[in-house]
């Protein structure tokens, strides 16, 4: 997995953790900065998954800030976790095929 994908994964994790400290705006910006990285990916599936994950993170932050019910925010965090796993898995798979 390349360095930027690892940094993206760390930013998504930090966003989720920031829910405990009232979600600073920097956390969502840290995730959004990877839009260009995913837009440049040749692998269509990784590109779509990464951009969708960014969108879901933005939605999560918005939902949290406007006070949407905890159940809905929790469901969104589960969805983000699932997408995060898929992005990581896809990135690892691509990295292995490039090295082979």
PDB file of N, CA and C in Angstrom:
ATOM      1  N   UNK A   1       0.864  -1.167   0.000  1.00  0.00           N
ATOM      2  CA  UNK A   1       0.000   0.000   0.000  1.00  0.00           C
ATOM      3  C   UNK A   1       0.907   1.225   0.000  1.00  0.00           C
ATOM      4  N   UNK A   2       0.543   2.208  -0.816  1.00  0.00           N
ATOM      5  CA  UNK A   2       1.427   3.362  -0.921  1.00  0.00           C
ATOM      6  C   UNK A   2       1.243   4.328   0.252  1.00  0.00           C
ATOM      7  N   UNK A   3       2.197   5.235   0.384  1.00  0.00           N
ATOM      8  CA  UNK A   3       2.248   6.146   1.518  1.00  0.00           C
ATOM      9  C   UNK A   3       0.989   7.014   1.625  1.00  0.00           C
ATOM     10  N   UNK A   4       0.492   7.530   0.501  1.00  0.00           N
ATOM     11  CA  UNK A   4      -0.690   8.393   0.548  1.00  0.00           C
ATOM     12  C   UNK A   4      -1.934   7.634   1.004  1.00  0.00           C
ATOM     13  N   UNK A   5      -2.047   6.379   0.608  1.00  0.00           N
ATOM     14  CA  UNK A   5      -3.199   5.584   1.037  1.00  0.00           C
ATOM     15  C   UNK A   5      -3.145   5.352   2.545  1.00  0.00           C
ATOM     16  N   UNK A   6      -1.965   5.141   3.071  1.00  0.00           N
ATOM     17  CA  UNK A   6      -1.793   4.975   4.519  1.00  0.00           C
ATOM     18  C   UNK A   6      -2.142   6.278   5.234  1.00  0.00           C
ATOM     19  N   UNK A   7      -1.673   7.402   4.700  1.00  0.00           N
ATOM     20  CA  UNK A   7      -1.989   8.704   5.305  1.00  0.00           C
ATOM     21  C   UNK A   7      -3.493   8.978   5.257  1.00  0.00           C
ATOM     22  N   UNK A   8      -4.143   8.600   4.159  1.00  0.00           N
ATOM     23  CA  UNK A   8      -5.595   8.764   4.048  1.00  0.00           C
ATOM     24  C   UNK A   8      -6.300   7.930   5.107  1.00  0.00           C
ATOM     25  N   UNK A   9      -5.898   6.692   5.258  1.00  0.00           N
ATOM     26  CA  UNK A   9      -6.502   5.812   6.254  1.00  0.00           C
ATOM     27  C   UNK A   9      -6.347   6.405   7.658  1.00  0.00           C
ATOM     28  N   UNK A  10      -5.180   6.956   7.932  1.00  0.00           N
ATOM     29  CA  UNK A  10      -4.947   7.590   9.238  1.00  0.00           C
ATOM     30  C   UNK A  10      -5.858   8.803   9.434  1.00  0.00           C
ATOM     31  N   UNK A  11      -6.077   9.582   8.374  1.00  0.00           N
ATOM     32  CA  UNK A  11      -6.941  10.761   8.463  1.00  0.00           C
ATOM     33  C   UNK A  11      -8.391  10.352   8.727  1.00  0.00           C
ATOM     34  N   UNK A  12      -8.839   9.276   8.074  1.00  0.00           N
ATOM     35  CA  UNK A  12     -10.211   8.786   8.296  1.00  0.00           C
ATOM     36  C   UNK A  12     -10.359   8.299   9.735  1.00  0.00           C
ATOM     37  N   UNK A  13      -9.357   7.595  10.223  1.00  0.00           N
ATOM     38  CA  UNK A  13      -9.393   7.122  11.605  1.00  0.00           C
ATOM     39  C   UNK A  13      -9.433   8.300  12.583  1.00  0.00           C
ATOM     40  N   UNK A  14      -8.627   9.319  12.329  1.00  0.00           N
ATOM     41  CA  UNK A  14      -8.601  10.493  13.201  1.00  0.00           C
ATOM     42  C   UNK A  14      -9.937  11.218  13.188  1.00  0.00           C
ATOM     43  N   UNK A  15     -10.604  11.232  12.039  1.00  0.00           N
ATOM     44  CA  UNK A  15     -11.929  11.857  11.954  1.00  0.00           C
ATOM     45  C   UNK A  15     -12.899  11.146  12.891  1.00  0.00           C
ATOM     46  N   UNK A  16     -12.903   9.832  12.842  1.00  0.00           N
ATOM     47  CA  UNK A  16     -13.786   9.067  13.728  1.00  0.00           C
ATOM     48  C   UNK A  16     -13.457   9.296  15.193  1.00  0.00           C
ATOM     49  N   UNK A  17     -12.164   9.323  15.502  1.00  0.00           N
ATOM     50  CA  UNK A  17     -11.748   9.553  16.888  1.00  0.00           C
ATOM     51  C   UNK A  17     -12.115  10.954  17.358  1.00  0.00           C
ATOM     52  N   UNK A  18     -12.140  11.913  16.433  1.00  0.00           N
ATOM     53  CA  UNK A  18     -12.404  13.300  16.814  1.00  0.00           C
ATOM     54  C   UNK A  18     -13.847  13.512  17.267  1.00  0.00           C
ATOM     55  N   UNK A  19     -14.704  12.551  17.007  1.00  0.00           N
ATOM     56  CA  UNK A  19     -16.089  12.659  17.450  1.00  0.00           C
ATOM     57  C   UNK A  19     -16.133  12.810  18.974  1.00  0.00           C
ATOM     58  N   UNK A  20     -15.128  12.278  19.624  1.00  0.00           N
ATOM     59  CA  UNK A  20     -15.077  12.356  21.081  1.00  0.00           C
ATOM     60  C   UNK A  20     -14.694  13.752  21.569  1.00  0.00           C
ATOM     61  N   UNK A  21     -14.059  14.548  20.691  1.00  0.00           N
ATOM     62  CA  UNK A  21     -13.621  15.891  21.097  1.00  0.00           C
ATOM     63  C   UNK A  21     -14.306  16.974  20.265  1.00  0.00           C
ATOM     64  N   UNK A  22     -15.519  16.710  19.854  1.00  0.00           N
ATOM     65  CA  UNK A  22     -16.370  17.678  19.155  1.00  0.00           C
ATOM     66  C   UNK A  22     -15.915  18.004  17.736  1.00  0.00           C
ATOM     67  N   UNK A  23     -15.296  17.088  17.065  1.00  0.00           N
ATOM     68  CA  UNK A  23     -14.981  17.143  15.649  1.00  0.00           C
ATOM     69  C   UNK A  23     -14.422  18.478  15.141  1.00  0.00           C
ATOM     70  N   UNK A  24     -13.157  18.736  15.383  1.00  0.00           N
ATOM     71  CA  UNK A  24     -12.547  19.951  14.836  1.00  0.00           C
ATOM     72  C   UNK A  24     -12.593  19.960  13.306  1.00  0.00           C
ATOM     73  N   UNK A  25     -12.725  21.147  12.710  1.00  0.00           N
ATOM     74  CA  UNK A  25     -12.832  21.265  11.251  1.00  0.00           C
ATOM     75  C   UNK A  25     -11.598  20.737  10.534  1.00  0.00           C
ATOM     76  N   UNK A  26     -10.445  20.799  11.190  1.00  0.00           N
ATOM     77  CA  UNK A  26      -9.212  20.311  10.556  1.00  0.00           C
ATOM     78  C   UNK A  26      -9.306  18.830  10.211  1.00  0.00           C
ATOM     79  N   UNK A  27     -10.028  18.080  11.011  1.00  0.00           N
ATOM     80  CA  UNK A  27     -10.118  16.642  10.774  1.00  0.00           C
ATOM     81  C   UNK A  27     -10.768  16.345   9.427  1.00  0.00           C
ATOM     82  N   UNK A  28     -11.837  17.046   9.099  1.00  0.00           N
ATOM     83  CA  UNK A  28     -12.506  16.786   7.817  1.00  0.00           C
ATOM     84  C   UNK A  28     -11.658  17.296   6.667  1.00  0.00           C
ATOM     85  N   UNK A  29     -10.957  18.400   6.859  1.00  0.00           N
ATOM     86  CA  UNK A  29     -10.059  18.904   5.812  1.00  0.00           C
ATOM     87  C   UNK A  29      -8.928  17.919   5.547  1.00  0.00           C
ATOM     88  N   UNK A  30      -8.460  17.246   6.597  1.00  0.00           N
ATOM     89  CA  UNK A  30      -7.402  16.249   6.437  1.00  0.00           C
ATOM     90  C   UNK A  30      -7.855  15.101   5.538  1.00  0.00           C
ATOM     91  N   UNK A  31      -9.133  14.754   5.616  1.00  0.00           N
ATOM     92  CA  UNK A  31      -9.685  13.694   4.764  1.00  0.00           C
ATOM     93  C   UNK A  31      -9.915  14.228   3.347  1.00  0.00           C
ATOM     94  N   UNK A  32     -10.478  15.423   3.239  1.00  0.00           N
ATOM     95  CA  UNK A  32     -10.816  15.990   1.930  1.00  0.00           C
ATOM     96  C   UNK A  32      -9.597  16.248   1.050  1.00  0.00           C
ATOM     97  N   UNK A  33      -8.450  16.455   1.652  1.00  0.00           N
ATOM     98  CA  UNK A  33      -7.257  16.739   0.856  1.00  0.00           C
ATOM     99  C   UNK A  33      -6.855  15.578  -0.057  1.00  0.00           C
ATOM    100  N   UNK A  34      -7.444  14.403   0.136  1.00  0.00           N
ATOM    101  CA  UNK A  34      -7.091  13.239  -0.667  1.00  0.00           C
ATOM    102  C   UNK A  34      -7.968  13.068  -1.907  1.00  0.00           C
ATOM    103  N   UNK A  35      -8.876  14.019  -2.164  1.00  0.00           N
ATOM    104  CA  UNK A  35      -9.727  13.940  -3.361  1.00  0.00           C
ATOM    105  C   UNK A  35      -8.875  13.816  -4.624  1.00  0.00           C
ATOM    106  N   UNK A  36      -7.892  14.660  -4.750  1.00  0.00           N
ATOM    107  CA  UNK A  36      -7.046  14.646  -5.945  1.00  0.00           C
ATOM    108  C   UNK A  36      -6.312  13.314  -6.093  1.00  0.00           C
ATOM    109  N   UNK A  37      -5.847  12.777  -4.976  1.00  0.00           N
ATOM    110  CA  UNK A  37      -5.165  11.477  -5.006  1.00  0.00           C
ATOM    111  C   UNK A  37      -6.079  10.409  -5.624  1.00  0.00           C
ATOM    112  N   UNK A  38      -7.323  10.351  -5.170  1.00  0.00           N
ATOM    113  CA  UNK A  38      -8.230   9.327  -5.687  1.00  0.00           C
ATOM    114  C   UNK A  38      -8.701   9.636  -7.104  1.00  0.00           C
ATOM    115  N   UNK A  39      -8.863  10.902  -7.438  1.00  0.00           N
ATOM    116  CA  UNK A  39      -9.255  11.254  -8.804  1.00  0.00           C
ATOM    117  C   UNK A  39      -8.205  10.829  -9.821  1.00  0.00           C
ATOM    118  N   UNK A  40      -6.958  10.714  -9.411  1.00  0.00           N
ATOM    119  CA  UNK A  40      -5.867  10.343 -10.311  1.00  0.00           C
ATOM    120  C   UNK A  40      -5.610   8.837 -10.369  1.00  0.00           C
ATOM    121  N   UNK A  41      -6.336   8.065  -9.578  1.00  0.00           N
ATOM    122  CA  UNK A  41      -6.129   6.619  -9.563  1.00  0.00           C
ATOM    123  C   UNK A  41      -6.615   5.997 -10.866  1.00  0.00           C
ATOM    124  N   UNK A  42      -5.792   5.151 -11.445  1.00  0.00           N
ATOM    125  CA  UNK A  42      -6.175   4.460 -12.683  1.00  0.00           C
ATOM    126  C   UNK A  42      -7.194   3.366 -12.404  1.00  0.00           C
ATOM    127  N   UNK A  43      -7.097   2.742 -11.249  1.00  0.00           N
ATOM    128  CA  UNK A  43      -8.035   1.685 -10.894  1.00  0.00           C
ATOM    129  C   UNK A  43      -9.392   2.315 -10.578  1.00  0.00           C
ATOM    130  N   UNK A  44     -10.371   2.042 -11.408  1.00  0.00           N
ATOM    131  CA  UNK A  44     -11.691   2.675 -11.291  1.00  0.00           C
ATOM    132  C   UNK A  44     -12.349   2.342  -9.950  1.00  0.00           C
ATOM    133  N   UNK A  45     -12.243   1.098  -9.532  1.00  0.00           N
ATOM    134  CA  UNK A  45     -12.892   0.691  -8.282  1.00  0.00           C
ATOM    135  C   UNK A  45     -12.279   1.425  -7.088  1.00  0.00           C
ATOM    136  N   UNK A  46     -10.949   1.518  -7.048  1.00  0.00           N
ATOM    137  CA  UNK A  46     -10.298   2.234  -5.954  1.00  0.00           C
ATOM    138  C   UNK A  46     -10.667   3.715  -5.998  1.00  0.00           C
ATOM    139  N   UNK A  47     -10.706   4.282  -7.185  1.00  0.00           N
ATOM    140  CA  UNK A  47     -11.062   5.692  -7.334  1.00  0.00           C
ATOM    141  C   UNK A  47     -12.473   5.949  -6.786  1.00  0.00           C
ATOM    142  N   UNK A  48     -13.434   5.126  -7.205  1.00  0.00           N
ATOM    143  CA  UNK A  48     -14.818   5.305  -6.756  1.00  0.00           C
ATOM    144  C   UNK A  48     -14.969   5.074  -5.260  1.00  0.00           C
ATOM    145  N   UNK A  49     -14.312   4.031  -4.741  1.00  0.00           N
ATOM    146  CA  UNK A  49     -14.397   3.748  -3.309  1.00  0.00           C
ATOM    147  C   UNK A  49     -13.801   4.885  -2.486  1.00  0.00           C
ATOM    148  N   UNK A  50     -12.643   5.380  -2.905  1.00  0.00           N
ATOM    149  CA  UNK A  50     -11.984   6.454  -2.169  1.00  0.00           C
ATOM    150  C   UNK A  50     -12.805   7.728  -2.154  1.00  0.00           C
ATOM    151  N   UNK A  51     -13.330   8.101  -3.299  1.00  0.00           N
ATOM    152  CA  UNK A  51     -14.140   9.325  -3.373  1.00  0.00           C
ATOM    153  C   UNK A  51     -15.445   9.169  -2.594  1.00  0.00           C
ATOM    154  N   UNK A  52     -16.020   7.982  -2.639  1.00  0.00           N
ATOM    155  CA  UNK A  52     -17.249   7.752  -1.859  1.00  0.00           C
ATOM    156  C   UNK A  52     -16.953   7.822  -0.363  1.00  0.00           C
ATOM    157  N   UNK A  53     -15.821   7.264   0.034  1.00  0.00           N
ATOM    158  CA  UNK A  53     -15.446   7.313   1.445  1.00  0.00           C
ATOM    159  C   UNK A  53     -15.257   8.757   1.902  1.00  0.00           C
ATOM    160  N   UNK A  54     -14.639   9.577   1.083  1.00  0.00           N
ATOM    161  CA  UNK A  54     -14.490  11.001   1.420  1.00  0.00           C
ATOM    162  C   UNK A  54     -15.862  11.652   1.574  1.00  0.00           C
ATOM    163  N   UNK A  55     -16.763  11.382   0.635  1.00  0.00           N
ATOM    164  CA  UNK A  55     -18.120  11.946   0.714  1.00  0.00           C
ATOM    165  C   UNK A  55     -18.845  11.506   1.984  1.00  0.00           C
ATOM    166  N   UNK A  56     -18.699  10.240   2.330  1.00  0.00           N
ATOM    167  CA  UNK A  56     -19.358   9.720   3.533  1.00  0.00           C
ATOM    168  C   UNK A  56     -18.768  10.352   4.793  1.00  0.00           C
ATOM    169  N   UNK A  57     -17.467  10.619   4.789  1.00  0.00           N
ATOM    170  CA  UNK A  57     -16.832  11.280   5.932  1.00  0.00           C
ATOM    171  C   UNK A  57     -17.350  12.706   6.089  1.00  0.00           C
ATOM    172  N   UNK A  58     -17.520  13.397   4.973  1.00  0.00           N
ATOM    173  CA  UNK A  58     -18.065  14.760   5.016  1.00  0.00           C
ATOM    174  C   UNK A  58     -19.498  14.719   5.557  1.00  0.00           C
ATOM    175  N   UNK A  59     -20.287  13.760   5.078  1.00  0.00           N
ATOM    176  CA  UNK A  59     -21.666  13.620   5.556  1.00  0.00           C
ATOM    177  C   UNK A  59     -21.688  13.311   7.057  1.00  0.00           C
ATOM    178  N   UNK A  60     -20.790  12.456   7.493  1.00  0.00           N
ATOM    179  CA  UNK A  60     -20.675  12.086   8.903  1.00  0.00           C
ATOM    180  C   UNK A  60     -20.403  13.328   9.753  1.00  0.00           C
ATOM    181  N   UNK A  61     -19.440  14.132   9.323  1.00  0.00           N
ATOM    182  CA  UNK A  61     -19.089  15.342  10.076  1.00  0.00           C
ATOM    183  C   UNK A  61     -20.271  16.300  10.128  1.00  0.00           C
ATOM    184  N   UNK A  62     -20.955  16.458   9.006  1.00  0.00           N
ATOM    185  CA  UNK A  62     -22.107  17.355   8.951  1.00  0.00           C
ATOM    186  C   UNK A  62     -23.222  16.855   9.874  1.00  0.00           C
ATOM    187  N   UNK A  63     -23.510  15.568   9.794  1.00  0.00           N
ATOM    188  CA  UNK A  63     -24.561  14.989  10.631  1.00  0.00           C
ATOM    189  C   UNK A  63     -24.250  15.211  12.117  1.00  0.00           C
ATOM    190  N   UNK A  64     -22.991  15.007  12.462  1.00  0.00           N
ATOM    191  CA  UNK A  64     -22.584  15.164  13.857  1.00  0.00           C
ATOM    192  C   UNK A  64     -22.746  16.611  14.309  1.00  0.00           C
ATOM    193  N   UNK A  65     -22.314  17.539  13.454  1.00  0.00           N
ATOM    194  CA  UNK A  65     -22.358  18.964  13.822  1.00  0.00           C
ATOM    195  C   UNK A  65     -23.776  19.505  13.964  1.00  0.00           C
ATOM    196  N   UNK A  66     -24.697  19.042  13.111  1.00  0.00           N
ATOM    197  CA  UNK A  66     -26.059  19.577  13.179  1.00  0.00           C
ATOM    198  C   UNK A  66     -26.914  18.839  14.207  1.00  0.00           C
ATOM    199  N   UNK A  67     -26.359  17.835  14.836  1.00  0.00           N
ATOM    200  CA  UNK A  67     -27.073  17.168  15.916  1.00  0.00           C
ATOM    201  C   UNK A  67     -28.041  16.091  15.487  1.00  0.00           C
ATOM    202  N   UNK A  68     -27.755  15.420  14.387  1.00  0.00           N
ATOM    203  CA  UNK A  68     -28.582  14.285  13.966  1.00  0.00           C
ATOM    204  C   UNK A  68     -28.521  13.217  15.062  1.00  0.00           C
ATOM    205  N   UNK A  69     -29.556  12.439  15.182  1.00  0.00           N
ATOM    206  CA  UNK A  69     -29.615  11.443  16.252  1.00  0.00           C
ATOM    207  C   UNK A  69     -28.372  10.550  16.257  1.00  0.00           C
ATOM    208  N   UNK A  70     -27.988  10.167  17.454  1.00  0.00           N
ATOM    209  CA  UNK A  70     -26.783   9.354  17.636  1.00  0.00           C
ATOM    210  C   UNK A  70     -26.867   8.057  16.840  1.00  0.00           C
ATOM    211  N   UNK A  71     -28.052   7.454  16.764  1.00  0.00           N
ATOM    212  CA  UNK A  71     -28.208   6.201  16.021  1.00  0.00           C
ATOM    213  C   UNK A  71     -27.815   6.369  14.553  1.00  0.00           C
ATOM    214  N   UNK A  72     -28.235   7.469  13.949  1.00  0.00           N
ATOM    215  CA  UNK A  72     -27.915   7.706  12.541  1.00  0.00           C
ATOM    216  C   UNK A  72     -26.427   8.001  12.352  1.00  0.00           C
ATOM    217  N   UNK A  73     -25.859   8.758  13.272  1.00  0.00           N
ATOM    218  CA  UNK A  73     -24.417   9.046  13.199  1.00  0.00           C
ATOM    219  C   UNK A  73     -23.631   7.751  13.382  1.00  0.00           C
ATOM    220  N   UNK A  74     -24.083   6.908  14.301  1.00  0.00           N
ATOM    221  CA  UNK A  74     -23.422   5.627  14.534  1.00  0.00           C
ATOM    222  C   UNK A  74     -23.502   4.742  13.289  1.00  0.00           C
ATOM    223  N   UNK A  75     -24.666   4.692  12.659  1.00  0.00           N
ATOM    224  CA  UNK A  75     -24.816   3.909  11.422  1.00  0.00           C
ATOM    225  C   UNK A  75     -23.875   4.416  10.341  1.00  0.00           C
ATOM    226  N   UNK A  76     -23.741   5.735  10.246  1.00  0.00           N
ATOM    227  CA  UNK A  76     -22.838   6.317   9.254  1.00  0.00           C
ATOM    228  C   UNK A  76     -21.386   5.937   9.570  1.00  0.00           C
ATOM    229  N   UNK A  77     -21.037   5.892  10.843  1.00  0.00           N
ATOM    230  CA  UNK A  77     -19.670   5.515  11.212  1.00  0.00           C
ATOM    231  C   UNK A  77     -19.395   4.052  10.863  1.00  0.00           C
ATOM    232  N   UNK A  78     -20.405   3.202  10.980  1.00  0.00           N
ATOM    233  CA  UNK A  78     -20.242   1.798  10.580  1.00  0.00           C
ATOM    234  C   UNK A  78     -20.031   1.688   9.073  1.00  0.00           C
ATOM    235  N   UNK A  79     -20.788   2.476   8.320  1.00  0.00           N
ATOM    236  CA  UNK A  79     -20.641   2.496   6.872  1.00  0.00           C
ATOM    237  C   UNK A  79     -19.238   2.973   6.477  1.00  0.00           C
ATOM    238  N   UNK A  80     -18.754   3.990   7.171  1.00  0.00           N
ATOM    239  CA  UNK A  80     -17.405   4.499   6.910  1.00  0.00           C
ATOM    240  C   UNK A  80     -16.371   3.426   7.216  1.00  0.00           C
ATOM    241  N   UNK A  81     -16.553   2.716   8.299  1.00  0.00           N
ATOM    242  CA  UNK A  81     -15.622   1.630   8.648  1.00  0.00           C
ATOM    243  C   UNK A  81     -15.572   0.561   7.572  1.00  0.00           C
ATOM    244  N   UNK A  82     -16.735   0.209   7.049  1.00  0.00           N
ATOM    245  CA  UNK A  82     -16.804  -0.794   5.982  1.00  0.00           C
ATOM    246  C   UNK A  82     -16.089  -0.296   4.721  1.00  0.00           C
ATOM    247  N   UNK A  83     -16.370   0.943   4.329  1.00  0.00           N
ATOM    248  CA  UNK A  83     -15.719   1.511   3.144  1.00  0.00           C
ATOM    249  C   UNK A  83     -14.208   1.624   3.341  1.00  0.00           C
ATOM    250  N   UNK A  84     -13.816   1.981   4.534  1.00  0.00           N
ATOM    251  CA  UNK A  84     -12.387   2.096   4.845  1.00  0.00           C
ATOM    252  C   UNK A  84     -11.681   0.759   4.640  1.00  0.00           C
ATOM    253  N   UNK A  85     -12.307  -0.315   5.099  1.00  0.00           N
ATOM    254  CA  UNK A  85     -11.756  -1.657   4.891  1.00  0.00           C
ATOM    255  C   UNK A  85     -11.643  -1.979   3.406  1.00  0.00           C
ATOM    256  N   UNK A  86     -12.675  -1.647   2.633  1.00  0.00           N
ATOM    257  CA  UNK A  86     -12.663  -1.927   1.198  1.00  0.00           C
ATOM    258  C   UNK A  86     -11.559  -1.150   0.481  1.00  0.00           C
ATOM    259  N   UNK A  87     -11.380   0.124   0.840  1.00  0.00           N
ATOM    260  CA  UNK A  87     -10.335   0.938   0.227  1.00  0.00           C
ATOM    261  C   UNK A  87      -8.965   0.348   0.558  1.00  0.00           C
ATOM    262  N   UNK A  88      -8.757  -0.027   1.806  1.00  0.00           N
ATOM    263  CA  UNK A  88      -7.480  -0.601   2.217  1.00  0.00           C
ATOM    264  C   UNK A  88      -7.231  -1.920   1.504  1.00  0.00           C
ATOM    265  N   UNK A  89      -8.241  -2.763   1.457  1.00  0.00           N
ATOM    266  CA  UNK A  89      -8.103  -4.063   0.796  1.00  0.00           C
ATOM    267  C   UNK A  89      -7.764  -3.892  -0.685  1.00  0.00           C
ATOM    268  N   UNK A  90      -8.465  -2.981  -1.328  1.00  0.00           N
ATOM    269  CA  UNK A  90      -8.227  -2.733  -2.756  1.00  0.00           C
ATOM    270  C   UNK A  90      -6.823  -2.165  -2.978  1.00  0.00           C
ATOM    271  N   UNK A  91      -6.410  -1.249  -2.117  1.00  0.00           N
ATOM    272  CA  UNK A  91      -5.074  -0.677  -2.225  1.00  0.00           C
ATOM    273  C   UNK A  91      -3.990  -1.719  -2.037  1.00  0.00           C
ATOM    274  N   UNK A  92      -4.188  -2.615  -1.089  1.00  0.00           N
ATOM    275  CA  UNK A  92      -3.219  -3.695  -0.869  1.00  0.00           C
ATOM    276  C   UNK A  92      -3.163  -4.634  -2.069  1.00  0.00           C
ATOM    277  N   UNK A  93      -4.323  -4.967  -2.604  1.00  0.00           N
ATOM    278  CA  UNK A  93      -4.400  -5.865  -3.755  1.00  0.00           C
ATOM    279  C   UNK A  93      -3.663  -5.254  -4.958  1.00  0.00           C
ATOM    280  N   UNK A  94      -3.874  -3.984  -5.205  1.00  0.00           N
ATOM    281  CA  UNK A  94      -3.204  -3.311  -6.313  1.00  0.00           C
ATOM    282  C   UNK A  94      -1.716  -3.239  -6.107  1.00  0.00           C
ATOM    283  N   UNK A  95      -1.296  -2.976  -4.875  1.00  0.00           N
ATOM    284  CA  UNK A  95       0.120  -2.885  -4.560  1.00  0.00           C
ATOM    285  C   UNK A  95       0.811  -4.225  -4.802  1.00  0.00           C
ATOM    286  N   UNK A  96       0.143  -5.313  -4.432  1.00  0.00           N
ATOM    287  CA  UNK A  96       0.719  -6.651  -4.669  1.00  0.00           C
ATOM    288  C   UNK A  96       0.845  -6.929  -6.152  1.00  0.00           C
ATOM    289  N   UNK A  97      -0.158  -6.559  -6.934  1.00  0.00           N
ATOM    290  CA  UNK A  97      -0.119  -6.842  -8.373  1.00  0.00           C
ATOM    291  C   UNK A  97       0.945  -6.000  -9.068  1.00  0.00           C
ATOM    292  N   UNK A  98       1.223  -4.810  -8.570  1.00  0.00           N
ATOM    293  CA  UNK A  98       2.260  -3.970  -9.162  1.00  0.00           C
ATOM    294  C   UNK A  98       3.642  -4.548  -8.872  1.00  0.00           C
ATOM    295  N   UNK A  99       3.832  -5.098  -7.661  1.00  0.00           N
ATOM    296  CA  UNK A  99       5.134  -5.662  -7.287  1.00  0.00           C
ATOM    297  C   UNK A  99       5.390  -6.984  -7.962  1.00  0.00           C
ATOM    298  N   UNK A 100       4.340  -7.700  -8.374  1.00  0.00           N
ATOM    299  CA  UNK A 100       4.498  -9.041  -8.963  1.00  0.00           C
ATOM    300  C   UNK A 100       5.048  -8.997 -10.364  1.00  0.00           C
TER     301      UNK A 100
END
